[in-house]
Protein backbone atom coordinates (compact mmCIF):
# COMPACT_ATOMS: atom_id res chain seq x y z
CA MET A 1 70.14 -23.04 -105.56
CA LYS A 2 68.52 -21.51 -108.79
CA ALA A 3 65.60 -24.00 -109.94
CA SER A 4 68.30 -24.86 -113.10
CA ALA A 5 70.82 -26.83 -110.45
CA LEU A 6 68.26 -28.21 -108.16
CA ARG A 7 66.14 -29.77 -111.25
CA GLU A 8 69.90 -31.70 -111.83
CA LEU A 9 69.58 -33.47 -108.40
CA ARG A 10 67.67 -36.90 -108.11
CA PRO A 11 64.80 -36.97 -106.16
CA GLU A 12 67.00 -38.41 -102.85
CA GLU A 13 69.02 -35.68 -102.76
CA LEU A 14 66.31 -33.15 -102.66
CA ARG A 15 64.50 -34.72 -100.14
CA ASP A 16 67.83 -34.62 -97.98
CA LYS A 17 68.02 -30.58 -98.84
CA LEU A 18 64.76 -30.04 -97.79
CA VAL A 19 64.92 -31.77 -94.76
CA GLU A 20 68.17 -29.71 -94.27
CA THR A 21 66.84 -26.34 -94.99
CA GLU A 22 63.60 -26.83 -92.83
CA LYS A 23 66.19 -26.61 -90.27
CA HIS A 24 67.63 -23.49 -91.62
CA LEU A 25 63.81 -22.32 -91.19
CA TYR A 26 63.62 -23.40 -87.94
CA ASP A 27 67.40 -21.70 -86.57
CA LEU A 28 66.36 -18.19 -87.84
CA ARG A 29 63.03 -18.50 -86.55
CA CYS A 30 64.58 -18.87 -83.22
CA GLN A 31 67.33 -16.12 -84.47
CA ALA A 32 64.47 -13.34 -85.40
CA VAL A 33 62.63 -14.89 -81.81
CA THR A 34 65.60 -13.53 -79.53
CA GLU A 35 66.51 -10.73 -81.60
CA ASN A 36 70.01 -11.87 -82.94
CA ILE A 37 69.42 -12.18 -86.83
CA GLU A 38 71.15 -10.23 -88.68
CA ASN A 39 69.56 -10.55 -92.05
CA THR A 40 65.48 -10.69 -91.41
CA ARG A 41 65.60 -11.21 -95.33
CA SER A 42 67.53 -14.77 -95.12
CA VAL A 43 63.70 -15.65 -93.62
CA ARG A 44 61.82 -15.17 -96.62
CA ASN A 45 64.95 -16.17 -98.93
CA THR A 46 64.45 -19.77 -97.07
CA ARG A 47 60.95 -19.97 -97.15
CA ARG A 48 61.13 -19.34 -100.38
CA GLU A 49 64.11 -22.10 -101.50
CA ILE A 50 61.41 -24.69 -99.84
CA ALA A 51 58.72 -24.31 -102.00
CA ARG A 52 60.99 -24.34 -104.80
CA ILE A 53 62.25 -27.48 -103.63
CA LYS A 54 58.74 -29.00 -103.14
CA THR A 55 57.80 -27.91 -106.35
CA ILE A 56 60.40 -29.78 -108.26
CA LEU A 57 59.91 -33.14 -106.26
CA ARG A 58 56.20 -32.60 -107.20
CA GLN A 59 57.22 -32.06 -111.22
CA GLN A 60 59.86 -34.33 -110.91
CA HIS A 61 56.75 -37.17 -109.63
CA ASN A 62 54.29 -36.06 -112.06
CA GLU A 63 57.05 -37.03 -114.93
CA GLY A 64 57.57 -39.86 -113.74
CA ARG A 65 53.87 -41.20 -113.59
């Protein structure tokens, strides 16, 4: 997802999306170990999406103060 779309979500939805994305990253890493992964770049993209979600959560937390 793009950052602009993530900013529209509530913090609860972002946390749910974060958990879902972290599970997806775990699955991708398991596939990479067993060499069943088709797109090796998807691991990198997923890590970046996790960082994007965490950044937006932190920004929303700081704005709330």
